[in-house]
C-alpha atoms as a PDB file:
ATOM      1  CA  MET A   1      26.103   1.214  -1.586  1.00  0.00           C
ATOM      2  CA  ASN A   2      27.271   3.239   1.411  1.00  0.00           C
ATOM      3  CA  THR A   3      25.067   1.981   4.253  1.00  0.00           C
ATOM      4  CA  ALA A   4      26.264   4.428   6.914  1.00  0.00           C
ATOM      5  CA  ASP A   5      23.505   6.977   6.263  1.00  0.00           C
ATOM      6  CA  LEU A   6      20.463   4.832   5.488  1.00  0.00           C
ATOM      7  CA  SER A   7      18.689   4.805   8.874  1.00  0.00           C
ATOM      8  CA  LEU A   8      15.377   6.601   9.270  1.00  0.00           C
ATOM      9  CA  ARG A   9      14.191   8.682  12.213  1.00  0.00           C
ATOM     10  CA  TRP A  10      10.643   7.892  13.341  1.00  0.00           C
ATOM     11  CA  GLN A  11       8.089  10.120  15.036  1.00  0.00           C
ATOM     12  CA  GLN A  12       4.571   9.314  16.142  1.00  0.00           C
ATOM     13  CA  LEU A  13       1.671  11.403  14.907  1.00  0.00           C
ATOM     14  CA  ALA A  14      -1.793  11.545  16.467  1.00  0.00           C
ATOM     15  CA  ASP A  15      -3.616   8.214  16.665  1.00  0.00           C
ATOM     16  CA  LEU A  16      -6.706   7.838  14.521  1.00  0.00           C
ATOM     17  CA  PRO A  17      -9.831   8.297  16.661  1.00  0.00           C
ATOM     18  CA  ASP A  18     -10.827   4.641  16.680  1.00  0.00           C
ATOM     19  CA  ALA A  19      -9.540   2.234  19.294  1.00  0.00           C
ATOM     20  CA  GLU A  20      -9.270  -0.732  16.917  1.00  0.00           C
ATOM     21  CA  GLY A  21      -7.687   0.887  13.843  1.00  0.00           C
ATOM     22  CA  TRP A  22      -7.873  -0.520  10.321  1.00  0.00           C
ATOM     23  CA  ALA A  23      -5.824  -2.478   7.800  1.00  0.00           C
ATOM     24  CA  GLY A  24      -5.951  -1.899   4.048  1.00  0.00           C
ATOM     25  CA  MET A  25      -6.609   1.829   4.315  1.00  0.00           C
ATOM     26  CA  TYR A  26      -6.224   4.545   1.681  1.00  0.00           C
ATOM     27  CA  ALA A  27      -3.888   7.509   2.302  1.00  0.00           C
ATOM     28  CA  GLY A  28      -2.780  10.513   0.279  1.00  0.00           C
ATOM     29  CA  VAL A  29      -2.316  14.282   0.249  1.00  0.00           C
ATOM     30  CA  SER A  30      -4.700  17.004  -0.933  1.00  0.00           C
ATOM     31  CA  ASN A  31      -4.025  20.756  -0.627  1.00  0.00           C
ATOM     32  CA  GLY A  32      -1.371  20.177   2.027  1.00  0.00           C
ATOM     33  CA  ALA A  33      -3.491  17.908   4.239  1.00  0.00           C
ATOM     34  CA  LEU A  34      -3.100  14.193   4.878  1.00  0.00           C
ATOM     35  CA  ILE A  35      -6.275  12.303   3.923  1.00  0.00           C
ATOM     36  CA  VAL A  36      -6.782   8.728   5.164  1.00  0.00           C
ATOM     37  CA  GLY A  37      -9.675   6.319   5.522  1.00  0.00           C
ATOM     38  CA  GLY A  38     -11.391   3.146   4.462  1.00  0.00           C
ATOM     39  CA  GLY A  39     -10.024  -0.269   5.387  1.00  0.00           C
ATOM     40  CA  ALA A  40     -11.364  -3.091   7.514  1.00  0.00           C
ATOM     41  CA  ASN A  41     -11.171  -4.449  11.057  1.00  0.00           C
ATOM     42  CA  PHE A  42     -12.877  -6.758  13.545  1.00  0.00           C
ATOM     43  CA  PRO A  43     -14.711  -4.329  15.865  1.00  0.00           C
ATOM     44  CA  GLU A  44     -17.134  -6.776  17.486  1.00  0.00           C
ATOM     45  CA  LYS A  45     -14.761  -9.522  18.610  1.00  0.00           C
ATOM     46  CA  PRO A  46     -11.348 -10.798  17.483  1.00  0.00           C
ATOM     47  CA  LEU A  47     -10.779 -12.802  14.333  1.00  0.00           C
ATOM     48  CA  TRP A  48      -9.774 -15.865  16.368  1.00  0.00           C
ATOM     49  CA  GLU A  49     -13.080 -15.763  18.259  1.00  0.00           C
ATOM     50  CA  GLY A  50     -15.044 -15.747  15.016  1.00  0.00           C
ATOM     51  CA  GLY A  51     -15.488 -11.991  14.804  1.00  0.00           C
ATOM     52  CA  PRO A  52     -16.814 -10.767  11.441  1.00  0.00           C
ATOM     53  CA  LYS A  53     -14.650  -8.533   9.270  1.00  0.00           C
ATOM     54  CA  ARG A  54     -16.150  -5.078   8.790  1.00  0.00           C
ATOM     55  CA  TRP A  55     -15.186  -2.539   6.140  1.00  0.00           C
ATOM     56  CA  THR A  56     -15.524   1.191   6.819  1.00  0.00           C
ATOM     57  CA  ASP A  57     -16.412   4.281   4.804  1.00  0.00           C
ATOM     58  CA  ARG A  58     -14.950   6.716   7.360  1.00  0.00           C
ATOM     59  CA  MET A  59     -12.398   9.327   6.237  1.00  0.00           C
ATOM     60  CA  PHE A  60     -10.071  11.542   8.288  1.00  0.00           C
ATOM     61  CA  VAL A  61      -8.042  14.696   7.678  1.00  0.00           C
ATOM     62  CA  LEU A  62      -4.820  15.893   9.345  1.00  0.00           C
ATOM     63  CA  ASN A  63      -3.710  19.433   8.523  1.00  0.00           C
ATOM     64  CA  ALA A  64      -0.279  19.381  10.208  1.00  0.00           C
ATOM     65  CA  PRO A  65       2.014  16.688  11.690  1.00  0.00           C
ATOM     66  CA  GLU A  66       1.531  18.098  15.186  1.00  0.00           C
ATOM     67  CA  GLY A  67      -2.237  18.466  14.736  1.00  0.00           C
ATOM     68  CA  SER A  68      -5.216  16.282  15.529  1.00  0.00           C
ATOM     69  CA  TRP A  69      -7.503  14.374  13.200  1.00  0.00           C
ATOM     70  CA  GLN A  70     -10.887  15.597  12.084  1.00  0.00           C
ATOM     71  CA  GLU A  71     -13.463  13.403  10.425  1.00  0.00           C
ATOM     72  CA  GLY A  72     -14.412  14.209   6.842  1.00  0.00           C
ATOM     73  CA  ALA A  73     -17.316  13.172   4.647  1.00  0.00           C
ATOM     74  CA  ALA A  74     -17.649   9.418   4.256  1.00  0.00           C
ATOM     75  CA  LEU A  75     -16.852   7.434   1.125  1.00  0.00           C
ATOM     76  CA  PRO A  76     -19.812   6.452  -1.087  1.00  0.00           C
ATOM     77  CA  LYS A  77     -19.471   2.887   0.235  1.00  0.00           C
ATOM     78  CA  PRO A  78     -17.245   0.954   2.665  1.00  0.00           C
ATOM     79  CA  LEU A  79     -13.993   0.028   0.902  1.00  0.00           C
ATOM     80  CA  GLY A  80     -10.443  -1.135   1.577  1.00  0.00           C
ATOM     81  CA  TYR A  81      -7.464  -3.026   0.182  1.00  0.00           C
ATOM     82  CA  GLY A  82      -7.201  -0.822  -2.893  1.00  0.00           C
ATOM     83  CA  ALA A  83      -4.447   1.585  -3.940  1.00  0.00           C
ATOM     84  CA  THR A  84      -3.949   5.312  -3.415  1.00  0.00           C
ATOM     85  CA  VAL A  85      -1.934   7.972  -5.226  1.00  0.00           C
ATOM     86  CA  SER A  86      -1.638  11.710  -4.667  1.00  0.00           C
ATOM     87  CA  LEU A  87      -2.287  13.897  -7.712  1.00  0.00           C
ATOM     88  CA  PRO A  88      -2.351  17.712  -8.073  1.00  0.00           C
ATOM     89  CA  GLN A  89      -6.143  17.365  -8.336  1.00  0.00           C
ATOM     90  CA  GLY A  90      -6.445  15.408  -5.090  1.00  0.00           C
ATOM     91  CA  VAL A  91      -6.179  11.898  -3.676  1.00  0.00           C
ATOM     92  CA  MET A  92      -7.104   9.102  -6.066  1.00  0.00           C
ATOM     93  CA  LEU A  93      -8.591   5.920  -4.608  1.00  0.00           C
ATOM     94  CA  ILE A  94      -8.273   2.966  -6.966  1.00  0.00           C
ATOM     95  CA  GLY A  95     -10.325  -0.221  -6.654  1.00  0.00           C
ATOM     96  CA  GLY A  96     -10.301  -2.410  -3.563  1.00  0.00           C
ATOM     97  CA  SER A  97     -12.904  -4.625  -1.973  1.00  0.00           C
ATOM     98  CA  ASN A  98     -15.673  -4.807   0.588  1.00  0.00           C
ATOM     99  CA  ALA A  99     -18.042  -7.441   1.902  1.00  0.00           C
ATOM    100  CA  ASP A 100     -19.576  -7.788  -1.564  1.00  0.00           C
ATOM    101  CA  GLY A 101     -16.252  -8.541  -3.303  1.00  0.00           C
ATOM    102  CA  ALA A 102     -13.677  -6.647  -5.351  1.00  0.00           C
ATOM    103  CA  VAL A 103     -14.592  -3.384  -7.073  1.00  0.00           C
ATOM    104  CA  ALA A 104     -13.398  -1.347 -10.058  1.00  0.00           C
ATOM    105  CA  ASP A 105     -14.538   1.966  -8.543  1.00  0.00           C
ATOM    106  CA  CYS A 106     -12.172   4.937  -8.501  1.00  0.00           C
ATOM    107  CA  TYR A 107     -12.657   8.214  -6.653  1.00  0.00           C
ATOM    108  CA  LEU A 108     -10.947  11.584  -6.358  1.00  0.00           C
ATOM    109  CA  LEU A 109     -10.894  13.161  -2.881  1.00  0.00           C
ATOM    110  CA  ASN A 110     -10.252  16.879  -2.529  1.00  0.00           C
ATOM    111  CA  TRP A 111      -9.766  18.875   0.664  1.00  0.00           C
ATOM    112  CA  ASP A 112     -10.470  22.624   0.343  1.00  0.00           C
ATOM    113  CA  GLY A 113      -9.434  23.464   3.903  1.00  0.00           C
ATOM    114  CA  THR A 114     -12.924  22.914   5.281  1.00  0.00           C
ATOM    115  CA  VAL A 115     -14.757  20.246   3.310  1.00  0.00           C
ATOM    116  CA  LEU A 116     -13.620  16.880   1.982  1.00  0.00           C
ATOM    117  CA  SER A 117     -15.333  16.188  -1.340  1.00  0.00           C
ATOM    118  CA  CYS A 118     -15.478  12.930  -3.285  1.00  0.00           C
ATOM    119  CA  LYS A 119     -15.939  12.611  -7.051  1.00  0.00           C
ATOM    120  CA  ALA A 120     -16.314   9.393  -9.026  1.00  0.00           C
ATOM    121  CA  LEU A 121     -13.694   8.793 -11.728  1.00  0.00           C
ATOM    122  CA  ALA A 122     -13.591   6.358 -14.624  1.00  0.00           C
ATOM    123  CA  PRO A 123     -13.538   2.862 -13.099  1.00  0.00           C
ATOM    124  CA  LEU A 124     -10.742   0.391 -13.652  1.00  0.00           C
ATOM    125  CA  PRO A 125     -11.261  -1.884 -16.663  1.00  0.00           C
ATOM    126  CA  VAL A 126     -11.390  -4.823 -14.204  1.00  0.00           C
ATOM    127  CA  THR A 127     -12.134  -5.292 -10.535  1.00  0.00           C
ATOM    128  CA  LEU A 128      -8.935  -5.305  -8.472  1.00  0.00           C
ATOM    129  CA  THR A 129      -7.923  -5.795  -4.856  1.00  0.00           C
ATOM    130  CA  GLY A 130      -4.466  -6.115  -3.279  1.00  0.00           C
ATOM    131  CA  HIS A 131      -2.841  -4.192  -6.139  1.00  0.00           C
ATOM    132  CA  ALA A 132      -0.440  -1.238  -6.001  1.00  0.00           C
ATOM    133  CA  ALA A 133      -0.132   2.090  -7.825  1.00  0.00           C
ATOM    134  CA  VAL A 134       2.267   4.990  -8.382  1.00  0.00           C
ATOM    135  CA  VAL A 135       2.413   8.232 -10.357  1.00  0.00           C
ATOM    136  CA  MET A 136       5.014   8.718 -13.087  1.00  0.00           C
ATOM    137  CA  GLY A 137       5.049  11.559 -15.587  1.00  0.00           C
ATOM    138  CA  GLY A 138       1.610  12.733 -14.525  1.00  0.00           C
ATOM    139  CA  ARG A 139      -0.010   9.350 -15.206  1.00  0.00           C
ATOM    140  CA  VAL A 140      -1.072   6.647 -12.761  1.00  0.00           C
ATOM    141  CA  TYR A 141       0.324   3.134 -13.134  1.00  0.00           C
ATOM    142  CA  VAL A 142      -1.513   0.223 -11.480  1.00  0.00           C
ATOM    143  CA  GLN A 143       0.076  -3.217 -11.388  1.00  0.00           C
ATOM    144  CA  GLY A 144      -0.891  -6.657 -10.150  1.00  0.00           C
ATOM    145  CA  GLY A 145      -3.561  -7.481  -7.625  1.00  0.00           C
ATOM    146  CA  SER A 146      -6.404  -9.990  -7.725  1.00  0.00           C
ATOM    147  CA  ILE A 147      -9.636  -9.860  -9.721  1.00  0.00           C
ATOM    148  CA  ALA A 148     -11.485 -11.268  -6.698  1.00  0.00           C
ATOM    149  CA  PRO A 149     -10.723 -11.643  -2.973  1.00  0.00           C
ATOM    150  CA  GLY A 150      -9.642 -15.011  -1.645  1.00  0.00           C
ATOM    151  CA  GLU A 151      -6.099 -15.252  -3.047  1.00  0.00           C
ATOM    152  CA  GLN A 152      -6.999 -17.590  -5.920  1.00  0.00           C
ATOM    153  CA  ASP A 153      -5.899 -15.350  -8.786  1.00  0.00           C
ATOM    154  CA  ALA A 154      -3.004 -12.941  -9.292  1.00  0.00           C
ATOM    155  CA  GLU A 155      -2.540 -10.388 -12.069  1.00  0.00           C
ATOM    156  CA  SER A 156       0.515  -9.497 -14.180  1.00  0.00           C
ATOM    157  CA  ARG A 157      -1.263  -6.750 -16.089  1.00  0.00           C
ATOM    158  CA  LEU A 158      -0.388  -3.053 -16.026  1.00  0.00           C
ATOM    159  CA  TRP A 159      -3.089  -0.406 -16.233  1.00  0.00           C
ATOM    160  CA  VAL A 160      -2.392   3.267 -16.994  1.00  0.00           C
ATOM    161  CA  TYR A 161      -4.704   6.148 -16.045  1.00  0.00           C
ATOM    162  CA  ASP A 162      -4.590   9.552 -17.754  1.00  0.00           C
ATOM    163  CA  PRO A 163      -6.025  12.187 -15.368  1.00  0.00           C
ATOM    164  CA  ALA A 164      -6.484  14.723 -18.174  1.00  0.00           C
ATOM    165  CA  ALA A 165      -8.765  12.374 -20.112  1.00  0.00           C
ATOM    166  CA  ASP A 166     -10.165  10.473 -17.107  1.00  0.00           C
ATOM    167  CA  SER A 167      -9.498   7.256 -18.975  1.00  0.00           C
ATOM    168  CA  TRP A 168      -7.653   3.952 -18.614  1.00  0.00           C
ATOM    169  CA  SER A 169      -5.490   2.065 -21.077  1.00  0.00           C
ATOM    170  CA  GLU A 170      -3.648  -1.232 -20.792  1.00  0.00           C
ATOM    171  CA  GLY A 171       0.143  -1.117 -20.639  1.00  0.00           C
ATOM    172  CA  ALA A 172       2.676  -3.853 -21.259  1.00  0.00           C
ATOM    173  CA  PRO A 173       2.118  -6.684 -18.754  1.00  0.00           C
ATOM    174  CA  MET A 174       4.979  -7.713 -16.513  1.00  0.00           C
ATOM    175  CA  PRO A 175       6.761 -10.665 -18.163  1.00  0.00           C
ATOM    176  CA  ALA A 176       6.514 -12.719 -14.980  1.00  0.00           C
ATOM    177  CA  ARG A 177       3.940 -14.394 -12.784  1.00  0.00           C
ATOM    178  CA  GLY A 178       1.091 -12.415 -11.313  1.00  0.00           C
ATOM    179  CA  ARG A 179       1.337 -10.991  -7.809  1.00  0.00           C
ATOM    180  CA  PHE A 180      -0.575  -9.122  -5.138  1.00  0.00           C
ATOM    181  CA  LEU A 181       0.335  -7.220  -1.959  1.00  0.00           C
ATOM    182  CA  GLN A 182       3.523  -6.052  -3.658  1.00  0.00           C
ATOM    183  CA  GLN A 183       5.219  -2.707  -3.074  1.00  0.00           C
ATOM    184  CA  MET A 184       5.581  -0.089  -5.813  1.00  0.00           C
ATOM    185  CA  ALA A 185       7.644   3.083  -6.142  1.00  0.00           C
ATOM    186  CA  ALA A 186       8.347   5.690  -8.809  1.00  0.00           C
ATOM    187  CA  LYS A 187      11.602   7.536  -9.423  1.00  0.00           C
ATOM    188  CA  GLY A 188      12.432   9.579 -12.500  1.00  0.00           C
ATOM    189  CA  ASP A 189      11.093   7.898 -15.622  1.00  0.00           C
ATOM    190  CA  LYS A 190      10.706   4.464 -14.041  1.00  0.00           C
ATOM    191  CA  ILE A 191       8.260   2.615 -11.852  1.00  0.00           C
ATOM    192  CA  TYR A 192       9.381  -0.218  -9.585  1.00  0.00           C
ATOM    193  CA  VAL A 193       7.480  -3.364  -8.554  1.00  0.00           C
ATOM    194  CA  LEU A 194       9.071  -4.995  -5.521  1.00  0.00           C
ATOM    195  CA  GLY A 195       8.310  -8.297  -3.816  1.00  0.00           C
ATOM    196  CA  GLY A 196       4.748  -9.410  -3.218  1.00  0.00           C
ATOM    197  CA  ILE A 197       2.916 -12.731  -3.242  1.00  0.00           C
ATOM    198  CA  GLY A 198       2.431 -15.121  -6.140  1.00  0.00           C
ATOM    199  CA  LEU A 199       0.358 -18.277  -6.207  1.00  0.00           C
ATOM    200  CA  LYS A 200       1.154 -21.947  -6.739  1.00  0.00           C
ATOM    201  CA  ASP A 201      -0.907 -25.125  -6.712  1.00  0.00           C
ATOM    202  CA  GLY A 202      -1.690 -26.553  -3.289  1.00  0.00           C
ATOM    203  CA  GLU A 203      -2.341 -30.142  -2.314  1.00  0.00           C
ATOM    204  CA  ASP A 204      -6.115 -29.706  -2.315  1.00  0.00           C
ATOM    205  CA  GLY A 205      -6.229 -28.143  -5.775  1.00  0.00           C
ATOM    206  CA  ARG A 206      -6.572 -24.612  -4.470  1.00  0.00           C
ATOM    207  CA  LYS A 207      -3.898 -21.990  -4.904  1.00  0.00           C
ATOM    208  CA  VAL A 208      -1.543 -21.246  -2.006  1.00  0.00           C
ATOM    209  CA  ARG A 209       0.825 -18.369  -1.351  1.00  0.00           C
ATOM    210  CA  ASP A 210       4.292 -18.245  -2.866  1.00  0.00           C
ATOM    211  CA  MET A 211       6.321 -15.372  -1.436  1.00  0.00           C
ATOM    212  CA  LEU A 212       8.371 -13.497  -4.026  1.00  0.00           C
ATOM    213  CA  THR A 213      11.750 -11.746  -3.903  1.00  0.00           C
ATOM    214  CA  GLU A 214      11.579 -10.410  -7.455  1.00  0.00           C
ATOM    215  CA  ALA A 215      12.186  -6.746  -8.251  1.00  0.00           C
ATOM    216  CA  TRP A 216      11.265  -5.158 -11.574  1.00  0.00           C
ATOM    217  CA  SER A 217      11.367  -1.732 -13.169  1.00  0.00           C
ATOM    218  CA  TYR A 218       9.342  -0.369 -16.061  1.00  0.00           C
ATOM    219  CA  SER A 219       9.742   2.677 -18.253  1.00  0.00           C
ATOM    220  CA  GLU A 220       7.939   3.669 -21.419  1.00  0.00           C
ATOM    221  CA  ALA A 221      11.273   3.696 -23.250  1.00  0.00           C
ATOM    222  CA  ALA A 222      12.870   0.461 -22.000  1.00  0.00           C
ATOM    223  CA  GLY A 223       9.855  -1.610 -20.989  1.00  0.00           C
ATOM    224  CA  TRP A 224      10.208  -4.149 -18.165  1.00  0.00           C
ATOM    225  CA  GLU A 225      13.630  -4.961 -16.708  1.00  0.00           C
ATOM    226  CA  ARG A 226      14.489  -7.534 -14.019  1.00  0.00           C
ATOM    227  CA  LEU A 227      16.492  -6.057 -11.120  1.00  0.00           C
ATOM    228  CA  ALA A 228      18.488  -7.540  -8.268  1.00  0.00           C
ATOM    229  CA  ASP A 229      16.295  -9.724  -6.063  1.00  0.00           C
ATOM    230  CA  LEU A 230      15.290  -8.566  -2.598  1.00  0.00           C
ATOM    231  CA  PRO A 231      17.504 -10.004   0.173  1.00  0.00           C
ATOM    232  CA  HIS A 232      14.407 -11.642   1.677  1.00  0.00           C
ATOM    233  CA  PHE A 233      10.704 -11.974   1.048  1.00  0.00           C
ATOM    234  CA  CYS A 234       8.672  -8.813   1.480  1.00  0.00           C
ATOM    235  CA  ALA A 235       4.931  -8.419   0.982  1.00  0.00           C
ATOM    236  CA  ALA A 236       2.167  -6.165   2.276  1.00  0.00           C
ATOM    237  CA  GLY A 237       4.577  -3.392   3.261  1.00  0.00           C
ATOM    238  CA  PRO A 238       3.532   0.272   3.072  1.00  0.00           C
ATOM    239  CA  THR A 239       3.012   1.355  -0.523  1.00  0.00           C
ATOM    240  CA  PRO A 240       3.704   3.453  -2.518  1.00  0.00           C
ATOM    241  CA  ALA A 241       7.168   2.794  -1.078  1.00  0.00           C
ATOM    242  CA  PRO A 242       8.791   6.130  -0.215  1.00  0.00           C
ATOM    243  CA  VAL A 243      11.783   7.481  -2.101  1.00  0.00           C
ATOM    244  CA  ILE A 244      14.128   9.160   0.371  1.00  0.00           C
ATOM    245  CA  GLY A 245      17.535  10.495  -0.566  1.00  0.00           C
ATOM    246  CA  GLY A 246      17.169   8.952  -4.017  1.00  0.00           C
ATOM    247  CA  ARG A 247      16.667   5.459  -2.558  1.00  0.00           C
ATOM    248  CA  ILE A 248      13.542   3.323  -2.270  1.00  0.00           C
ATOM    249  CA  TYR A 249      12.575   2.101   1.210  1.00  0.00           C
ATOM    250  CA  LEU A 250      10.571  -1.011   2.035  1.00  0.00           C
ATOM    251  CA  LEU A 251       9.193  -0.535   5.524  1.00  0.00           C
ATOM    252  CA  GLY A 252       8.347  -3.731   7.387  1.00  0.00           C
ATOM    253  CA  GLY A 253       5.615  -5.901   5.921  1.00  0.00           C
ATOM    254  CA  ASP A 254       5.491  -9.696   6.003  1.00  0.00           C
ATOM    255  CA  ASP A 255       8.723 -11.616   5.364  1.00  0.00           C
ATOM    256  CA  ALA A 256       7.061 -15.062   5.774  1.00  0.00           C
ATOM    257  CA  THR A 257       9.473 -16.117   8.532  1.00  0.00           C
ATOM    258  CA  VAL A 258       6.798 -16.451  11.221  1.00  0.00           C
ATOM    259  CA  LYS A 259       5.113 -19.802  10.661  1.00  0.00           C
ATOM    260  CA  GLY A 260       3.139 -22.325  12.666  1.00  0.00           C
ATOM    261  CA  TYR A 261       1.302 -19.783  14.818  1.00  0.00           C
ATOM    262  CA  THR A 262      -2.397 -19.177  15.268  1.00  0.00           C
ATOM    263  CA  PRO A 263      -3.645 -15.565  15.041  1.00  0.00           C
ATOM    264  CA  GLN A 264      -4.047 -15.286  18.817  1.00  0.00           C
ATOM    265  CA  ASN A 265      -0.423 -16.227  19.616  1.00  0.00           C
ATOM    266  CA  HIS A 266       1.309 -14.836  16.516  1.00  0.00           C
ATOM    267  CA  PRO A 267       4.339 -12.785  17.713  1.00  0.00           C
ATOM    268  CA  GLY A 268       3.808 -10.059  15.123  1.00  0.00           C
ATOM    269  CA  PHE A 269       5.432  -8.968  11.893  1.00  0.00           C
ATOM    270  CA  HIS A 270       9.069  -7.910  11.586  1.00  0.00           C
ATOM    271  CA  ASN A 271      10.152  -4.277  11.998  1.00  0.00           C
ATOM    272  CA  TYR A 272      13.201  -3.957   9.799  1.00  0.00           C
ATOM    273  CA  THR A 273      13.723  -1.919   6.680  1.00  0.00           C
ATOM    274  CA  LEU A 274      15.222  -2.618   3.279  1.00  0.00           C
ATOM    275  CA  CYS A 275      16.704   0.042   1.040  1.00  0.00           C
ATOM    276  CA  TYR A 276      17.182  -0.181  -2.742  1.00  0.00           C
ATOM    277  CA  CYS A 277      19.545   2.067  -4.697  1.00  0.00           C
ATOM    278  CA  PRO A 278      18.363   2.389  -8.327  1.00  0.00           C
ATOM    279  CA  CYS A 279      21.690   3.827  -9.428  1.00  0.00           C
ATOM    280  CA  CYS A 280      23.731   0.770  -8.433  1.00  0.00           C
ATOM    281  CA  ASN A 281      20.953  -1.877  -8.435  1.00  0.00           C
ATOM    282  CA  GLU A 282      21.817  -2.937  -4.884  1.00  0.00           C
ATOM    283  CA  TRP A 283      19.892  -3.696  -1.701  1.00  0.00           C
ATOM    284  CA  ALA A 284      20.950  -2.976   1.865  1.00  0.00           C
ATOM    285  CA  SER A 285      19.518  -3.124   5.366  1.00  0.00           C
ATOM    286  CA  ALA A 286      18.358   0.252   6.654  1.00  0.00           C
ATOM    287  CA  GLY A 287      17.845  -0.616  10.318  1.00  0.00           C
ATOM    288  CA  GLU A 288      14.734  -1.090  12.397  1.00  0.00           C
ATOM    289  CA  MET A 289      11.400   0.680  12.298  1.00  0.00           C
ATOM    290  CA  ALA A 290       9.709   2.094  15.362  1.00  0.00           C
ATOM    291  CA  VAL A 291       6.845  -0.391  14.897  1.00  0.00           C
ATOM    292  CA  ALA A 292       6.044  -3.562  12.948  1.00  0.00           C
ATOM    293  CA  ARG A 293       3.163  -3.235  10.488  1.00  0.00           C
ATOM    294  CA  ALA A 294       1.730  -4.880   7.372  1.00  0.00           C
ATOM    295  CA  VAL A 295      -1.156  -4.223   4.943  1.00  0.00           C
ATOM    296  CA  LEU A 296      -1.101  -0.432   5.107  1.00  0.00           C
ATOM    297  CA  PRO A 297      -0.593   2.635   2.937  1.00  0.00           C
ATOM    298  CA  CYS A 298       2.246   5.139   2.840  1.00  0.00           C
ATOM    299  CA  ALA A 299       2.023   8.818   1.900  1.00  0.00           C
ATOM    300  CA  GLU A 300       4.906  11.274   1.540  1.00  0.00           C
ATOM    301  CA  TRP A 301       3.844  14.417   3.379  1.00  0.00           C
ATOM    302  CA  ASN A 302       5.656  17.386   4.958  1.00  0.00           C
ATOM    303  CA  GLY A 303       9.037  15.682   4.581  1.00  0.00           C
ATOM    304  CA  LEU A 304       7.774  12.477   6.193  1.00  0.00           C
ATOM    305  CA  ALA A 305       6.977   9.014   4.884  1.00  0.00           C
ATOM    306  CA  VAL A 306       3.738   8.463   6.805  1.00  0.00           C
ATOM    307  CA  ILE A 307       2.437   4.945   7.479  1.00  0.00           C
ATOM    308  CA  VAL A 308      -1.161   4.627   8.647  1.00  0.00           C
ATOM    309  CA  ASN A 309      -2.549   1.925  10.973  1.00  0.00           C
ATOM    310  CA  GLY A 310      -2.161  -1.574   9.470  1.00  0.00           C
ATOM    311  CA  GLU A 311      -1.836  -5.019  11.027  1.00  0.00           C
ATOM    312  CA  GLN A 312       0.437  -5.690  13.993  1.00  0.00           C
ATOM    313  CA  ARG A 313      -0.237  -9.398  13.457  1.00  0.00           C
ATOM    314  CA  PRO A 314      -2.979 -11.311  11.610  1.00  0.00           C
ATOM    315  CA  GLY A 315      -6.370 -10.059  12.735  1.00  0.00           C
ATOM    316  CA  LYS A 316      -4.958  -7.402  15.078  1.00  0.00           C
ATOM    317  CA  ARG A 317      -4.931  -3.797  13.866  1.00  0.00           C
ATOM    318  CA  SER A 318      -3.341  -0.616  15.192  1.00  0.00           C
ATOM    319  CA  ASN A 319      -4.753   2.914  15.247  1.00  0.00           C
ATOM    320  CA  GLN A 320      -1.272   4.483  15.311  1.00  0.00           C
ATOM    321  CA  VAL A 321       0.203   6.747  12.655  1.00  0.00           C
ATOM    322  CA  TRP A 322       3.986   7.126  12.238  1.00  0.00           C
ATOM    323  CA  GLY A 323       6.244   9.253  10.060  1.00  0.00           C
ATOM    324  CA  ALA A 324       9.844   8.623   9.024  1.00  0.00           C
ATOM    325  CA  CYS A 325      12.580  10.862   7.662  1.00  0.00           C
ATOM    326  CA  MET A 326      16.324  10.577   7.166  1.00  0.00           C
ATOM    327  CA  GLU A 327      18.534  10.729  10.272  1.00  0.00           C
END
């Protein structure tokens, strides 16, 4: 792969109107506007001081990259850590969790230029949190995730949503271990599942994290295919991962290299970018990001790959919004 032209140019958009910001938000595009919201933070006091985690139902709309945010109608309930895709009909919110646990709920958000509406869709066949989703051929593909919060189970299953019928079916499961907080992308007739976190047995009998470097593709014609491994671990990066110049970009996330720190003195996540070329099945470094973030969504909008809020380090959110495009 020619790596001379892989760098991205970053620009900052308006901050969300909340000083704390959120992780695990939803983000997508409806009628030319960027729609974001949901997620969770620690608004009362920091995680390391025992602050409680709070989910939000707030939603925001941005009509132009140089514009300012306006608040839209709230979600039916506080939610976060689900998946989002942009459809011609609007922004689809898929599963997630809140203080009561994981949910199967799905919603369609539509912006008509003045009002943000929310319609319930057919729920997932199972509750899911920490999963990822993409659109291919007009259908929505959801892979991985956990049935319940707490990182004690990880899914390999693939779920397929047909917007025309408002119905779900089960696709061929990935022939590998389950995973959550992975990145997904879609290009042509294939979806891609990249990195993420698996589980292994810990010393106390509970499951512990096992960071993955696996990369897989799936098409209806060829099924699942193992691809070249990532050069390093990558989980909780912005997803759906943007496709820019025919290549798939993994933007930051957690590479599991920072260990032995408490949340209050954690130095933060890494800010470098990986690039995958589907044509040659090769990975390359694509330089540094403007910021380091994990556990956040990405939406392709107005020629930008927009990343929204997310974690700077465990327990510490950001209210910033950034967009990237090719240099």
